Amino acid sequence: MTVSTLGLDADDTLWHSESHFAVTEQRFGELLSPWLPGEEAARRLLERERANLRIFGYGVKGFTLSMIETAIEASDGAVPMDALQHIIDWGKEMLSHPVELLPGVAETIDTLGDQYRLLLITKGDLFHQESKIAESGLADRFEQIEILSEKSPDQYRRVLERSRTAPSEFVMVGNSLRSDVLPVVDIGAQGVHIPYGILWGHEQVDCDHLEATWHQLDEFSQLPDLLTRLNGSD
């Protein structure tokens, strides 16, 4: 069967996201320097984020709360209140940061929309994701918008059921093998990996022992040509 439907990830696929986290994490390392070296601060923060995912979920709010908790633990409660206020202010700054589309995204989506059904499939905090989607100016290009708590094979199956799409007709595109590619390959669909310059530690996977296959591109603008090849067109 030919590809009829595309799922597009949002953060770091359509617009910049992880770069804002990286800037804040660097600030956080500097804030904790009286108690921890920078690499240790980053390691502890990632551990705390992972532990908090089932409580706070993904996104800036959980990240901010994890920074506060890590700062208190690392300093044995000695971190000053003004430092905690800095962390809160960083979180607010990230939540209000303007949406910056990646190069070629808007034009490529317009091209794809003429040939395929487009689904936006993202995960994270509902309120923040909704606001970014609205600000991006891309919302009306998508037939269906899904904001998930997690990207798993079962969640993708439900999305395809709601859109009445067979896995064999579906391609998911994103920057994360863990979230955007491997789960859809698991259900019989195809995945396209477009790496972003920075990848959150939780999303990293060891590719050396993976048996699944996927497509990889350097830029979003290369997607129409790949899909043409997948559909066997000249």
Protein backbone atom coordinates (compact mmCIF):
# COMPACT_ATOMS: atom_id res chain seq x y z
CA MET A 1 0.00 0.00 0.00
CA THR A 2 1.16 3.52 -0.69
CA VAL A 3 1.79 6.17 1.96
CA SER A 4 -1.34 8.25 2.49
CA THR A 5 -0.80 9.78 5.93
CA LEU A 6 2.11 11.51 7.62
CA GLY A 7 2.59 12.02 11.32
CA LEU A 8 4.84 14.95 12.18
CA ASP A 9 6.47 15.49 15.54
CA ALA A 10 6.56 19.11 16.74
CA ASP A 11 9.41 19.98 19.15
CA ASP A 12 12.79 19.89 17.39
CA THR A 13 11.17 18.63 14.21
CA LEU A 14 9.06 21.64 13.23
CA TRP A 15 10.45 24.20 15.66
CA HIS A 16 13.32 24.69 18.11
CA SER A 17 12.82 23.36 21.62
CA GLU A 18 15.74 21.44 23.15
CA SER A 19 18.12 24.34 22.57
CA HIS A 20 16.12 26.36 25.10
CA PHE A 21 16.43 23.53 27.63
CA ALA A 22 20.18 23.36 26.99
CA VAL A 23 20.65 27.08 27.72
CA THR A 24 18.69 26.76 30.96
CA GLU A 25 20.56 23.63 31.98
CA GLN A 26 23.84 25.50 31.57
CA ARG A 27 22.53 28.26 33.83
CA PHE A 28 21.45 25.63 36.31
CA GLY A 29 24.93 24.10 36.35
CA GLU A 30 26.42 27.50 37.11
CA LEU A 31 23.90 28.03 39.90
CA LEU A 32 24.86 24.70 41.51
CA SER A 33 28.62 25.22 41.09
CA PRO A 34 29.13 25.93 44.83
CA TRP A 35 27.95 22.37 45.53
CA LEU A 36 28.48 20.29 42.36
CA PRO A 37 30.60 20.35 39.20
CA GLY A 38 28.61 21.00 36.03
CA GLU A 39 28.61 17.42 34.70
CA GLU A 40 27.40 16.05 38.03
CA ALA A 41 24.65 18.65 38.20
CA ALA A 42 23.47 17.63 34.72
CA ARG A 43 23.56 13.94 35.64
CA ARG A 44 21.55 14.47 38.82
CA LEU A 45 19.03 16.65 37.04
CA LEU A 46 18.47 13.99 34.37
CA GLU A 47 17.99 11.34 37.06
CA ARG A 48 15.44 13.54 38.82
CA GLU A 49 13.61 14.29 35.57
CA ARG A 50 13.34 10.59 34.77
CA ALA A 51 12.06 9.81 38.25
CA ASN A 52 9.48 12.61 37.99
CA LEU A 53 8.14 11.77 34.53
CA ARG A 54 5.37 9.54 35.86
CA ILE A 55 4.29 12.39 38.17
CA PHE A 56 4.87 15.59 36.18
CA GLY A 57 5.02 14.25 32.64
CA TYR A 58 7.06 15.89 29.89
CA GLY A 59 7.69 19.57 29.37
CA VAL A 60 9.00 22.78 30.88
CA LYS A 61 6.94 22.63 34.07
CA GLY A 62 8.26 19.21 35.06
CA PHE A 63 11.77 20.33 34.10
CA THR A 64 11.48 23.39 36.32
CA LEU A 65 10.20 21.42 39.30
CA SER A 66 12.99 18.88 38.79
CA MET A 67 15.58 21.68 38.83
CA ILE A 68 14.19 23.02 42.10
CA GLU A 69 14.19 19.56 43.68
CA THR A 70 17.73 18.83 42.45
CA ALA A 71 19.01 22.15 43.78
CA ILE A 72 17.55 21.49 47.23
CA GLU A 73 18.95 17.96 47.35
CA ALA A 74 22.40 18.86 46.00
CA SER A 75 22.84 21.72 48.48
CA ASP A 76 21.33 19.85 51.45
CA GLY A 77 18.74 22.61 51.62
CA ALA A 78 21.30 25.43 51.64
CA VAL A 79 20.35 26.84 48.23
CA PRO A 80 19.12 30.40 48.82
CA MET A 81 15.59 31.46 48.06
CA ASP A 82 16.67 33.93 45.40
CA ALA A 83 18.36 31.06 43.53
CA LEU A 84 15.10 29.11 43.56
CA GLN A 85 13.35 32.21 42.25
CA HIS A 86 15.87 32.31 39.39
CA ILE A 87 14.89 28.74 38.49
CA ILE A 88 11.20 29.66 38.50
CA ASP A 89 11.92 32.69 36.31
CA TRP A 90 13.87 30.51 33.85
CA GLY A 91 10.87 28.21 33.58
CA LYS A 92 8.55 31.13 32.88
CA GLU A 93 10.99 32.43 30.28
CA MET A 94 10.99 29.08 28.50
CA LEU A 95 7.20 28.85 28.56
CA SER A 96 6.87 32.29 26.98
CA HIS A 97 9.67 31.91 24.42
CA PRO A 98 8.51 32.65 20.86
CA VAL A 99 8.09 29.69 18.52
CA GLU A 100 10.91 29.55 15.96
CA LEU A 101 10.25 27.29 12.99
CA LEU A 102 13.14 25.24 11.64
CA PRO A 103 14.39 26.08 8.13
CA GLY A 104 12.11 25.02 5.27
CA VAL A 105 9.35 23.68 7.53
CA ALA A 106 6.46 25.92 6.47
CA GLU A 107 7.16 25.55 2.74
CA THR A 108 7.64 21.80 2.97
CA ILE A 109 4.43 21.30 4.93
CA ASP A 110 2.53 23.23 2.26
CA THR A 111 3.99 20.88 -0.37
CA LEU A 112 3.20 17.76 1.65
CA GLY A 113 -0.35 18.89 2.36
CA ASP A 114 -1.17 18.75 -1.33
CA GLN A 115 -0.44 15.01 -1.45
CA TYR A 116 -0.87 13.53 2.04
CA ARG A 117 -3.07 13.69 5.09
CA LEU A 118 -1.06 15.41 7.81
CA LEU A 119 -1.27 14.59 11.52
CA LEU A 120 0.61 16.56 14.16
CA ILE A 121 1.62 14.13 16.91
CA THR A 122 3.46 15.58 19.88
CA LYS A 123 3.79 14.95 23.59
CA GLY A 124 4.17 17.10 26.69
CA ASP A 125 2.24 19.62 28.70
CA LEU A 126 -1.17 20.15 27.08
CA PHE A 127 -1.42 23.91 27.69
CA HIS A 128 2.11 24.68 26.50
CA GLN A 129 1.87 22.46 23.43
CA GLU A 130 -1.46 23.99 22.46
CA SER A 131 -0.03 27.49 22.76
CA LYS A 132 3.04 26.61 20.66
CA ILE A 133 0.92 24.97 17.97
CA ALA A 134 -1.31 28.04 17.79
CA GLU A 135 1.64 30.43 17.67
CA SER A 136 3.43 28.39 15.00
CA GLY A 137 0.83 29.30 12.39
CA LEU A 138 0.78 25.68 11.21
CA ALA A 139 -2.33 24.37 12.96
CA ASP A 140 -4.66 24.67 9.99
CA ARG A 141 -2.35 22.53 7.86
CA PHE A 142 -3.15 19.44 9.93
CA GLU A 143 -6.20 17.23 9.63
CA GLN A 144 -5.69 15.94 13.16
CA ILE A 145 -3.65 17.18 16.16
CA GLU A 146 -2.70 14.76 18.91
CA ILE A 147 -1.00 15.80 22.17
CA LEU A 148 0.00 12.61 23.96
CA SER A 149 1.28 11.95 27.47
CA GLU A 150 3.69 9.38 25.99
CA LYS A 151 4.59 8.07 22.57
CA SER A 152 4.27 4.31 22.72
CA PRO A 153 3.15 1.65 20.23
CA ASP A 154 -0.28 1.50 21.89
CA GLN A 155 -0.68 5.28 21.70
CA TYR A 156 0.23 5.29 18.02
CA ARG A 157 -2.25 2.47 17.36
CA ARG A 158 -4.99 4.57 18.96
CA VAL A 159 -4.04 7.61 16.89
CA LEU A 160 -4.22 5.57 13.69
CA GLU A 161 -7.54 4.06 14.73
CA ARG A 162 -8.95 7.55 15.28
CA SER A 163 -7.71 8.67 11.87
CA ARG A 164 -8.82 5.40 10.21
CA THR A 165 -5.34 4.84 8.84
CA ALA A 166 -3.67 1.47 8.31
CA PRO A 167 -0.10 1.24 9.67
CA SER A 168 1.11 0.26 6.20
CA GLU A 169 -0.09 3.65 4.90
CA PHE A 170 1.50 5.68 7.70
CA VAL A 171 4.89 7.36 8.08
CA MET A 172 5.96 9.13 11.27
CA VAL A 173 8.61 11.86 11.09
CA GLY A 174 10.59 13.17 14.04
CA ASN A 175 13.91 13.89 15.71
CA SER A 176 13.77 11.11 18.31
CA LEU A 177 14.32 7.44 17.53
CA ARG A 178 12.92 6.53 20.93
CA SER A 179 9.65 8.46 20.56
CA ASP A 180 9.04 9.09 16.88
CA VAL A 181 10.53 6.13 15.03
CA LEU A 182 10.87 2.88 16.97
CA PRO A 183 7.28 2.78 18.33
CA VAL A 184 5.75 3.18 14.86
CA VAL A 185 8.09 0.62 13.32
CA ASP A 186 6.89 -1.72 16.07
CA ILE A 187 3.29 -1.46 14.82
CA GLY A 188 4.14 -1.96 11.15
CA ALA A 189 4.40 1.64 10.02
CA GLN A 190 7.48 3.49 8.75
CA GLY A 191 9.62 6.03 10.58
CA VAL A 192 11.75 8.90 9.33
CA HIS A 193 14.48 10.21 11.63
CA ILE A 194 15.61 13.82 11.17
CA PRO A 195 18.16 14.45 13.94
CA TYR A 196 18.23 17.77 15.77
CA GLY A 197 21.55 19.19 16.97
CA ILE A 198 20.76 18.46 20.63
CA LEU A 199 18.96 15.42 22.04
CA TRP A 200 17.68 15.17 25.63
CA GLY A 201 19.40 12.36 27.52
CA HIS A 202 16.13 10.52 28.18
CA GLU A 203 15.48 10.24 24.42
CA GLN A 204 18.86 8.70 23.60
CA VAL A 205 18.98 5.05 22.55
CA ASP A 206 21.80 2.68 21.70
CA CYS A 207 21.47 2.05 17.97
CA ASP A 208 24.19 -0.60 17.78
CA HIS A 209 21.88 -3.45 18.79
CA LEU A 210 18.67 -2.32 17.10
CA GLU A 211 17.18 -4.60 14.46
CA ALA A 212 14.50 -2.15 13.35
CA THR A 213 15.08 -0.17 10.16
CA TRP A 214 14.05 3.37 9.41
CA HIS A 215 14.80 6.22 7.02
CA GLN A 216 17.08 9.10 7.95
CA LEU A 217 17.29 12.59 6.49
CA ASP A 218 19.48 15.58 7.19
CA GLU A 219 16.80 18.21 6.64
CA PHE A 220 13.01 18.44 6.76
CA SER A 221 12.95 19.82 3.22
CA GLN A 222 14.18 16.43 1.91
CA LEU A 223 10.98 14.72 3.05
CA PRO A 224 8.87 15.12 -0.15
CA ASP A 225 11.53 13.43 -2.29
CA LEU A 226 11.83 10.52 0.16
CA LEU A 227 8.08 9.98 0.16
CA THR A 228 7.99 10.04 -3.62
CA ARG A 229 10.56 7.24 -3.64
CA LEU A 230 8.65 5.27 -1.02
CA ASN A 231 5.51 5.47 -3.16
CA GLY A 232 7.45 4.24 -6.17
CA SER A 233 6.93 7.40 -8.20
CA ASP A 234 9.48 8.92 -10.52
